[in-house]
Amino acid sequence: MRYAGLIFDLDGTLLDTSEGVLGCVEETIDALKLRAVEPNWRKEILGPPLSVALSKFFGLDEAGGERALAEFRRRYAEWGVQKCRPYDGIIELLRDFKRRGLYLAVATSKAEPFAQRALESSGLLPFFDRVCGPGLQVRGHGKRDLIRRAIEGEDGPFLMVGDRRFDVEGAKACGMDCAYALYGFGSAKEAIESGAEFMVETADAIWALVEGPGHFFSFEGGDGAGKTTQIALVKAYLEERGYRVRQTREPGGDAVAERIRELLLEPSLKMDALTEAYLYAAARAEHVRAVLRPALLRGEIVLSDRYVDSSIAYQGYGRGLGEKLVRAVNEAAIGGLMPERSYFLELNAVEAERRAKSRTGKDRIEMEGEAFKVRVEQGFLEIAAKEPERVRRIDAGSGVDEVFARIRADLEGWLDSSGTSRAGTAGPATGL
């Protein structure tokens, strides 16, 4: 992994605390009859130290600022501190990082007792080794000092994750990278101007910064070529080497796509070739958005039993729709996402037929005749000929171990050449 630990800001990074903070500020305004000197205070007050923000946005002197802060904190302690929720993906992110032994800490400008309570009420407190915030009597920002407290005595390197320029500046002062959380209270403009090394639009994207970018491999071929068996062997091999692996299939992969799969493969149904092509593309669109892209953002290696090459071979060549049309139908579905490697398990017609006879409960596609299967095979061969760098032809006619050895040799060469010696230890992260 690139980093041994992560330091998180709290408000706008781990928790959406806007309801509690803004609600208590509104009550403070009413109670003290304050008048805002800047109309945009509701957006800008979230993120900076509240003692500074109250004075700035309401034109208060030191005594007035202290009075407003005390009024706010009284109300916040009563009810506001519990009005918060973890951002989408945060709990899963922290759970996985904790399981992997990363050091996790919080460095927040929120008063430490409030930070502890907010983390506890949202279920996040057990994930953290240390929570660092100012005391109730401390005014000012001091993000650099908070971060230094958070990493004291720990071995780095560390990644700071925050949503305002104060987080970036504090991280830089401590010599660490910072990921700017665009899903929080800040903005892309502020992220760029503050010099953040990375911007992340979702919590899932933090995975790739820590573990490295994910990788996508597909396995193609006719029925009976042994794709499922080989995917299982590759998955076990990669996991033994420390990679996080997602195994999936097409059509399918999530609930919606699996329902479409049932329709497509139902033996009793007949459908037009174009209808079939669109249904495969619809299942693929769901698969890409619900499974593939999230997994790749998390730095996982994805192994898919079939992808768009199968549509080209089966509907383009097998059904006679043509490669150009099938590619056009799938263009929006995949959004440019293609495997980095595709393994075409090539099996001669005699052996394929022998294996097919031993299988029971054939689906609608498997029930097609020999001429259809020959056209499909030709489709795969032409794809491999056009894209030899991506598509690797693997003789699937020999024993399972021999086939796996060929795939493994190619896979090892690809991983070494890509600089991915272990899960997420190398390769460029997504920066600004």
Protein backbone atom coordinates (compact mmCIF):
# COMPACT_ATOMS: atom_id res chain seq x y z
CA MET A 1 0.00 0.00 0.00
CA ARG A 2 1.13 3.55 -0.66
CA TYR A 3 0.32 4.79 2.86
CA ALA A 4 0.66 3.24 6.30
CA GLY A 5 -2.02 5.43 7.80
CA LEU A 6 -4.77 7.93 7.07
CA ILE A 7 -5.66 11.09 8.97
CA PHE A 8 -9.23 12.28 8.47
CA ASP A 9 -10.92 15.59 9.02
CA LEU A 10 -14.34 15.12 10.61
CA ASP A 11 -16.98 17.61 9.38
CA GLY A 12 -17.48 17.30 5.63
CA THR A 13 -15.12 14.33 5.31
CA LEU A 14 -16.27 11.53 7.60
CA LEU A 15 -19.61 12.98 8.69
CA ASP A 16 -22.20 15.25 7.19
CA THR A 17 -22.76 17.44 10.24
CA SER A 18 -24.52 20.27 8.43
CA GLU A 19 -27.96 19.72 10.00
CA GLY A 20 -26.70 19.96 13.57
CA VAL A 21 -24.20 22.76 13.00
CA LEU A 22 -26.46 25.01 10.93
CA GLY A 23 -29.45 24.37 13.18
CA CYS A 24 -27.51 25.39 16.29
CA VAL A 25 -26.03 28.45 14.55
CA GLU A 26 -29.54 29.53 13.54
CA GLU A 27 -30.71 29.22 17.16
CA THR A 28 -27.64 31.14 18.33
CA ILE A 29 -28.42 33.94 15.86
CA ASP A 30 -31.97 34.19 17.16
CA ALA A 31 -30.97 34.03 20.81
CA LEU A 32 -28.28 36.73 20.53
CA LYS A 33 -30.04 38.71 17.78
CA LEU A 34 -26.98 38.55 15.54
CA ARG A 35 -26.88 40.04 12.07
CA ALA A 36 -24.76 38.43 9.33
CA VAL A 37 -22.26 40.73 7.62
CA GLU A 38 -21.85 38.24 4.71
CA PRO A 39 -24.97 36.82 3.02
CA ASN A 40 -23.29 33.54 2.02
CA TRP A 41 -22.43 32.54 5.58
CA ARG A 42 -24.47 29.30 5.58
CA LYS A 43 -22.17 27.68 3.02
CA GLU A 44 -18.90 29.20 4.17
CA ILE A 45 -19.37 28.60 7.91
CA LEU A 46 -19.11 24.83 7.43
CA GLY A 47 -15.51 23.69 7.62
CA PRO A 48 -13.43 26.45 9.27
CA PRO A 49 -12.99 26.59 13.08
CA LEU A 50 -16.34 27.83 14.36
CA SER A 51 -14.79 30.36 16.74
CA VAL A 52 -13.17 32.07 13.76
CA ALA A 53 -16.20 31.70 11.50
CA LEU A 54 -18.70 33.19 13.95
CA SER A 55 -16.57 36.28 14.46
CA LYS A 56 -15.93 36.67 10.71
CA PHE A 57 -19.46 36.22 9.41
CA PHE A 58 -21.23 38.16 12.15
CA GLY A 59 -18.69 40.94 12.73
CA LEU A 60 -18.12 40.11 16.41
CA ASP A 61 -15.33 41.35 18.61
CA GLU A 62 -13.46 38.94 20.87
CA ALA A 63 -16.00 39.12 23.69
CA GLY A 64 -18.93 38.78 21.29
CA GLY A 65 -17.29 35.85 19.59
CA GLU A 66 -16.78 34.08 22.92
CA ARG A 67 -20.41 34.66 23.87
CA ALA A 68 -21.69 33.36 20.53
CA LEU A 69 -19.43 30.30 20.69
CA ALA A 70 -20.60 29.48 24.22
CA GLU A 71 -24.25 29.81 23.15
CA PHE A 72 -23.66 27.59 20.13
CA ARG A 73 -21.85 24.93 22.15
CA ARG A 74 -24.60 24.78 24.75
CA ARG A 75 -27.15 24.01 22.08
CA TYR A 76 -24.80 21.74 20.15
CA ALA A 77 -24.16 19.67 23.28
CA GLU A 78 -27.90 19.38 23.92
CA TRP A 79 -28.94 18.08 20.49
CA GLY A 80 -26.81 19.22 17.56
CA VAL A 81 -23.86 16.88 18.03
CA GLN A 82 -25.99 13.83 17.26
CA LYS A 83 -27.47 15.31 14.09
CA CYS A 84 -24.89 13.80 11.77
CA ARG A 85 -24.46 10.85 9.42
CA PRO A 86 -21.49 9.13 7.78
CA TYR A 87 -21.05 9.88 4.09
CA ASP A 88 -21.82 7.06 1.67
CA GLY A 89 -19.07 4.45 1.65
CA ILE A 90 -17.24 5.74 4.74
CA ILE A 91 -18.15 2.85 7.05
CA GLU A 92 -17.09 0.25 4.46
CA LEU A 93 -13.88 2.16 3.79
CA LEU A 94 -12.89 2.38 7.46
CA ARG A 95 -13.83 -1.23 8.15
CA ASP A 96 -11.62 -2.47 5.33
CA PHE A 97 -8.67 -0.23 6.23
CA LYS A 98 -8.90 -1.30 9.86
CA ARG A 99 -8.98 -4.96 8.86
CA ARG A 100 -5.83 -4.40 6.83
CA GLY A 101 -3.98 -2.91 9.79
CA LEU A 102 -3.72 0.71 8.68
CA TYR A 103 -3.32 3.40 11.31
CA LEU A 104 -6.43 5.62 11.39
CA ALA A 105 -6.80 8.94 13.19
CA VAL A 106 -8.98 12.04 13.20
CA ALA A 107 -7.61 15.59 13.22
CA THR A 108 -10.51 18.02 13.52
CA SER A 109 -11.09 21.65 14.46
CA LYS A 110 -14.25 20.56 16.26
CA ALA A 111 -13.83 20.53 20.03
CA GLU A 112 -12.51 17.09 20.93
CA PRO A 113 -15.37 16.13 23.30
CA PHE A 114 -17.87 16.93 20.53
CA ALA A 115 -15.81 15.01 17.98
CA GLN A 116 -15.77 11.96 20.24
CA ARG A 117 -19.54 12.13 20.74
CA ALA A 118 -20.27 12.60 17.03
CA LEU A 119 -18.08 9.65 16.10
CA GLU A 120 -19.63 7.50 18.80
CA SER A 121 -23.23 8.34 17.87
CA SER A 122 -22.54 7.55 14.19
CA GLY A 123 -20.76 4.26 14.96
CA LEU A 124 -17.34 5.37 13.67
CA LEU A 125 -15.39 5.77 16.91
CA PRO A 126 -14.15 2.12 17.17
CA PHE A 127 -12.35 2.45 13.84
CA PHE A 128 -9.93 5.13 15.05
CA ASP A 129 -6.68 4.76 16.95
CA ARG A 130 -6.66 8.43 17.93
CA VAL A 131 -9.02 11.43 17.85
CA CYS A 132 -7.38 14.85 18.05
CA GLY A 133 -9.27 18.11 18.43
CA PRO A 134 -8.87 21.31 20.42
CA GLY A 135 -10.12 21.62 23.96
CA LEU A 136 -13.30 23.51 24.74
CA GLN A 137 -11.32 26.58 25.82
CA VAL A 138 -9.07 26.71 22.75
CA ARG A 139 -9.73 29.21 19.95
CA GLY A 140 -8.08 29.35 16.54
CA HIS A 141 -7.35 26.79 13.85
CA GLY A 142 -4.08 25.00 14.57
CA LYS A 143 -4.71 22.22 12.00
CA ARG A 144 -1.00 21.60 11.61
CA ASP A 145 -0.62 20.95 15.35
CA LEU A 146 -3.68 18.70 15.38
CA ILE A 147 -2.26 16.60 12.55
CA ARG A 148 1.09 16.38 14.30
CA ARG A 149 -0.64 15.13 17.43
CA ALA A 150 -2.51 12.56 15.32
CA ILE A 151 0.68 11.03 13.88
CA GLU A 152 2.98 11.39 16.89
CA GLY A 153 4.94 8.20 17.46
CA GLU A 154 3.53 6.46 14.36
CA ASP A 155 5.37 5.35 11.24
CA GLY A 156 4.24 6.83 7.90
CA PRO A 157 3.81 7.69 5.18
CA PHE A 158 0.38 9.19 5.85
CA LEU A 159 -2.44 10.54 3.70
CA MET A 160 -4.59 13.40 4.98
CA VAL A 161 -8.22 13.40 3.84
CA GLY A 162 -10.14 16.64 4.28
CA ASP A 163 -12.59 18.97 2.59
CA ARG A 164 -11.22 22.49 3.14
CA ARG A 165 -8.01 24.41 2.46
CA PHE A 166 -7.09 24.26 6.17
CA ASP A 167 -6.72 20.48 5.84
CA VAL A 168 -4.48 20.83 2.78
CA GLU A 169 -2.33 23.50 4.43
CA GLY A 170 -1.99 21.47 7.62
CA ALA A 171 -1.02 18.36 5.69
CA LYS A 172 1.61 20.23 3.68
CA ALA A 173 3.07 21.68 6.87
CA CYS A 174 3.43 18.12 8.16
CA GLY A 175 4.99 16.84 4.92
CA MET A 176 2.14 14.60 3.84
CA ASP A 177 -0.14 14.27 0.82
CA CYS A 178 -3.73 15.46 1.02
CA ALA A 179 -6.85 14.14 -0.72
CA TYR A 180 -9.52 16.83 -0.99
CA ALA A 181 -13.03 15.41 -0.50
CA LEU A 182 -15.26 17.10 -3.08
CA TYR A 183 -18.32 15.43 -1.56
CA GLY A 184 -17.87 17.58 1.57
CA PHE A 185 -18.25 21.29 2.27
CA GLY A 186 -15.51 22.65 -0.02
CA SER A 187 -15.13 23.08 -3.78
CA ALA A 188 -12.91 22.00 -6.67
CA LYS A 189 -11.75 25.61 -7.01
CA GLU A 190 -10.53 25.67 -3.41
CA ALA A 191 -8.91 22.25 -3.83
CA ILE A 192 -6.89 23.44 -6.81
CA GLU A 193 -5.96 26.78 -5.30
CA SER A 194 -4.81 25.15 -2.05
CA GLY A 195 -2.59 22.69 -3.94
CA ALA A 196 -4.17 19.40 -2.87
CA GLU A 197 -2.42 16.41 -4.43
CA PHE A 198 -5.69 14.59 -5.11
CA MET A 199 -9.40 15.27 -5.43
CA VAL A 200 -11.94 12.54 -4.66
CA GLU A 201 -15.62 12.75 -5.58
CA THR A 202 -16.69 9.80 -3.41
CA ALA A 203 -15.32 7.93 -0.42
CA ASP A 204 -14.79 4.90 -2.67
CA ALA A 205 -12.12 6.82 -4.59
CA ILE A 206 -9.91 6.93 -1.47
CA TRP A 207 -9.35 3.17 -1.86
CA ALA A 208 -7.49 3.67 -5.12
CA LEU A 209 -5.24 6.35 -3.62
CA VAL A 210 -4.16 3.97 -0.86
CA GLU A 211 -4.04 0.68 -2.71
CA GLY A 212 -3.38 1.82 -6.27
CA PRO A 213 -5.72 1.69 -9.26
CA GLY A 214 -7.84 -1.36 -9.90
CA HIS A 215 -7.48 -3.64 -12.92
CA PHE A 216 -10.03 -5.28 -15.19
CA PHE A 217 -9.66 -8.68 -16.89
CA SER A 218 -12.30 -10.52 -18.89
CA PHE A 219 -12.51 -14.18 -19.90
CA GLU A 220 -14.11 -15.00 -23.25
CA GLY A 221 -14.88 -18.02 -25.36
CA GLY A 222 -17.58 -20.44 -26.42
CA ASP A 223 -19.67 -22.54 -24.09
CA GLY A 224 -17.70 -25.30 -22.41
CA ALA A 225 -14.30 -23.62 -22.85
CA GLY A 226 -13.66 -23.64 -19.09
CA LYS A 227 -13.95 -19.91 -18.28
CA THR A 228 -15.55 -20.42 -14.88
CA THR A 229 -12.91 -22.92 -13.79
CA GLN A 230 -10.02 -20.71 -14.89
CA ILE A 231 -11.48 -17.58 -13.26
CA ALA A 232 -11.68 -19.44 -9.94
CA LEU A 233 -8.02 -20.50 -10.25
CA VAL A 234 -6.88 -16.99 -11.20
CA LYS A 235 -8.84 -15.48 -8.31
CA ALA A 236 -7.23 -17.84 -5.79
CA TYR A 237 -3.78 -17.16 -7.25
CA LEU A 238 -4.17 -13.36 -7.07
CA GLU A 239 -5.58 -13.44 -3.55
CA GLU A 240 -2.62 -15.51 -2.41
CA ARG A 241 -0.39 -12.70 -3.72
CA GLY A 242 -2.28 -10.11 -1.65
CA TYR A 243 -4.68 -8.66 -4.20
CA ARG A 244 -8.32 -7.86 -3.55
CA VAL A 245 -10.29 -9.63 -6.27
CA ARG A 246 -13.88 -9.23 -7.47
CA GLN A 247 -15.29 -12.16 -9.48
CA THR A 248 -18.36 -11.39 -11.59
CA ARG A 249 -20.15 -12.46 -14.76
CA GLU A 250 -22.22 -11.29 -17.72
CA PRO A 251 -25.01 -11.06 -18.18
CA GLY A 252 -25.39 -10.52 -14.44
CA GLY A 253 -23.29 -9.28 -11.58
CA ASP A 254 -25.98 -7.44 -9.64
CA ALA A 255 -29.70 -7.87 -8.95
CA VAL A 256 -30.99 -5.97 -11.98
CA ALA A 257 -28.56 -7.55 -14.44
CA GLU A 258 -29.27 -11.02 -13.03
CA ARG A 259 -32.99 -10.55 -13.73
CA ILE A 260 -32.15 -9.61 -17.33
CA ARG A 261 -29.96 -12.72 -17.49
CA GLU A 262 -32.92 -14.91 -16.58
CA LEU A 263 -34.89 -13.40 -19.45
CA LEU A 264 -32.07 -13.75 -21.97
CA LEU A 265 -31.27 -17.37 -21.19
CA GLU A 266 -34.81 -18.72 -20.71
CA PRO A 267 -34.97 -21.72 -23.12
CA SER A 268 -38.68 -21.33 -23.87
CA LEU A 269 -38.40 -17.72 -25.12
CA LYS A 270 -37.78 -16.55 -28.65
CA MET A 271 -36.68 -13.00 -29.37
CA ASP A 272 -35.44 -10.81 -32.19
CA ALA A 273 -31.67 -10.56 -32.56
CA LEU A 274 -31.72 -6.78 -32.02
CA THR A 275 -33.85 -7.16 -28.90
CA GLU A 276 -31.31 -9.66 -27.63
CA ALA A 277 -28.42 -7.27 -28.32
CA TYR A 278 -30.14 -4.42 -26.48
CA LEU A 279 -30.94 -6.61 -23.48
CA TYR A 280 -27.31 -7.69 -23.19
CA ALA A 281 -26.26 -4.03 -23.40
CA ALA A 282 -28.83 -3.07 -20.74
CA ALA A 283 -27.49 -5.71 -18.36
CA ARG A 284 -23.96 -4.51 -19.13
CA ALA A 285 -24.82 -0.87 -18.39
CA GLU A 286 -26.09 -1.89 -14.96
CA HIS A 287 -23.06 -4.12 -14.40
CA VAL A 288 -20.61 -1.34 -15.27
CA ARG A 289 -22.22 1.23 -13.02
CA ALA A 290 -23.18 -0.97 -10.07
CA VAL A 291 -20.24 -3.39 -9.96
CA LEU A 292 -17.28 -2.74 -12.24
CA ARG A 293 -16.56 0.96 -11.75
CA PRO A 294 -17.06 0.91 -7.95
CA ALA A 295 -14.75 -2.12 -7.64
CA LEU A 296 -12.06 -0.47 -9.77
CA LEU A 297 -12.33 2.72 -7.70
CA ARG A 298 -11.65 0.61 -4.63
CA GLY A 299 -8.44 -0.68 -6.21
CA GLU A 300 -9.73 -4.21 -6.75
CA ILE A 301 -8.84 -6.58 -9.59
CA VAL A 302 -12.03 -7.50 -11.44
CA LEU A 303 -12.37 -10.86 -13.20
CA SER A 304 -15.44 -10.98 -15.44
CA ASP A 305 -16.84 -14.08 -17.09
CA ARG A 306 -17.65 -12.41 -20.45
CA TYR A 307 -17.86 -8.75 -21.43
CA VAL A 308 -18.51 -6.79 -24.61
CA ASP A 309 -16.41 -9.15 -26.78
CA SER A 310 -19.07 -11.79 -26.22
CA SER A 311 -21.78 -9.49 -27.53
CA ILE A 312 -19.74 -8.80 -30.65
CA ALA A 313 -19.10 -12.52 -31.19
CA TYR A 314 -22.61 -13.80 -30.35
CA GLN A 315 -24.86 -11.01 -31.62
CA GLY A 316 -22.54 -9.39 -34.14
CA TYR A 317 -21.29 -12.57 -35.79
CA GLY A 318 -23.56 -15.33 -34.47
CA ARG A 319 -26.83 -13.41 -35.08
CA GLY A 320 -25.47 -11.54 -38.08
CA LEU A 321 -26.06 -8.01 -36.74
CA GLY A 322 -22.50 -7.00 -37.56
CA GLU A 323 -19.69 -5.79 -35.33
CA LYS A 324 -20.31 -2.10 -36.02
CA LEU A 325 -23.93 -2.19 -34.87
CA VAL A 326 -23.20 -4.17 -31.72
CA ARG A 327 -20.37 -1.83 -30.77
CA ALA A 328 -22.70 1.14 -31.24
CA VAL A 329 -25.39 -0.47 -29.07
CA ASN A 330 -22.82 -1.01 -26.29
CA GLU A 331 -21.02 2.31 -26.54
CA ALA A 332 -23.15 4.13 -23.99
CA ALA A 333 -23.45 1.02 -21.83
CA ILE A 334 -19.72 0.67 -21.19
CA GLY A 335 -18.81 4.37 -21.22
CA GLY A 336 -15.33 3.63 -22.53
CA LEU A 337 -14.55 0.94 -19.95
CA MET A 338 -12.66 -1.95 -21.54
CA PRO A 339 -10.60 -4.74 -19.96
CA GLU A 340 -6.85 -4.31 -19.84
CA ARG A 341 -6.52 -8.01 -20.71
CA SER A 342 -9.06 -10.40 -22.25
CA TYR A 343 -8.33 -14.13 -22.26
CA PHE A 344 -9.99 -15.91 -25.17
CA LEU A 345 -10.17 -19.61 -24.28
CA GLU A 346 -10.03 -21.25 -27.68
CA LEU A 347 -11.52 -24.73 -28.05
CA ASN A 348 -11.88 -26.77 -31.24
CA ALA A 349 -15.38 -27.73 -32.38
CA VAL A 350 -15.01 -31.47 -31.65
CA GLU A 351 -13.91 -30.96 -28.04
CA ALA A 352 -16.52 -28.24 -27.50
CA GLU A 353 -19.27 -30.58 -28.67
CA ARG A 354 -17.97 -33.39 -26.47
CA ARG A 355 -18.07 -31.13 -23.39
CA ALA A 356 -21.48 -29.78 -24.35
CA LYS A 357 -23.00 -33.28 -24.45
CA SER A 358 -22.00 -33.87 -20.83
CA ARG A 359 -23.89 -30.79 -19.65
CA THR A 360 -27.57 -30.77 -18.68
CA GLY A 361 -30.11 -27.98 -18.59
CA LYS A 362 -28.87 -25.99 -21.58
CA ASP A 363 -29.94 -22.34 -21.81
CA ARG A 364 -31.39 -20.58 -24.85
CA ILE A 365 -28.00 -19.63 -26.32
CA GLU A 366 -26.42 -23.04 -25.71
CA MET A 367 -29.28 -24.67 -27.63
CA GLU A 368 -28.28 -22.94 -30.88
CA GLY A 369 -26.97 -25.16 -33.72
CA GLU A 370 -23.45 -25.81 -34.98
CA ALA A 371 -23.53 -23.11 -37.68
CA PHE A 372 -24.26 -20.45 -35.07
CA LYS A 373 -21.39 -21.65 -32.89
CA VAL A 374 -18.98 -21.59 -35.85
CA ARG A 375 -19.91 -17.95 -36.54
CA VAL A 376 -19.40 -17.08 -32.87
CA GLU A 377 -15.96 -18.71 -32.92
CA GLN A 378 -15.05 -16.72 -36.01
CA GLY A 379 -16.12 -13.57 -34.24
CA PHE A 380 -13.79 -14.20 -31.32
CA LEU A 381 -10.91 -14.99 -33.69
CA GLU A 382 -11.39 -11.74 -35.60
CA ILE A 383 -11.53 -9.71 -32.38
CA ALA A 384 -8.29 -11.33 -31.23
CA ALA A 385 -6.65 -10.62 -34.59
CA LYS A 386 -7.64 -6.93 -34.45
CA GLU A 387 -6.59 -6.37 -30.84
CA PRO A 388 -3.64 -8.69 -30.10
CA GLU A 389 -2.29 -6.49 -27.30
CA ARG A 390 -5.48 -6.77 -25.28
CA VAL A 391 -6.84 -10.18 -26.34
CA ARG A 392 -4.72 -13.22 -25.56
CA ARG A 393 -5.59 -16.51 -27.29
CA ILE A 394 -5.30 -19.44 -24.89
CA ASP A 395 -5.53 -23.05 -26.11
CA ALA A 396 -8.26 -24.47 -23.86
CA GLY A 397 -8.05 -28.01 -25.26
CA SER A 398 -5.45 -29.31 -22.82
CA GLY A 399 -5.79 -30.06 -19.11
CA VAL A 400 -7.02 -27.52 -16.58
CA ASP A 401 -3.57 -27.06 -15.01
CA GLU A 402 -1.88 -26.51 -18.37
CA VAL A 403 -4.45 -23.89 -19.37
CA PHE A 404 -4.05 -22.10 -16.04
CA ALA A 405 -0.26 -22.14 -16.37
CA ARG A 406 -0.53 -20.29 -19.71
CA ILE A 407 -2.89 -17.68 -18.26
CA ARG A 408 -0.75 -17.26 -15.16
CA ALA A 409 2.43 -16.73 -17.17
CA ASP A 410 0.81 -14.00 -19.23
CA LEU A 411 -0.80 -12.45 -16.18
CA GLU A 412 2.48 -12.34 -14.27
CA GLY A 413 4.17 -10.64 -17.20
CA TRP A 414 1.40 -8.07 -17.44
CA LEU A 415 1.43 -7.30 -13.71
CA ASP A 416 5.22 -6.93 -13.70
CA SER A 417 5.21 -4.64 -16.74
CA SER A 418 2.42 -2.50 -15.27
CA GLY A 419 4.36 -1.99 -12.05
CA THR A 420 1.73 -3.73 -9.93
CA SER A 421 3.84 -6.13 -7.90
CA ARG A 422 1.31 -6.39 -5.08
CA ALA A 423 -2.20 -5.06 -4.54
CA GLY A 424 -1.99 -1.31 -4.91
CA THR A 425 1.72 -0.88 -4.18
CA ALA A 426 2.55 0.97 -7.38
CA GLY A 427 1.06 2.79 -10.35
CA PRO A 428 -0.16 6.37 -10.68
CA ALA A 429 -2.99 7.58 -8.47
CA THR A 430 -5.69 9.85 -9.81
CA GLY A 431 -4.42 13.37 -9.18
CA LEU A 432 -5.50 16.88 -10.04
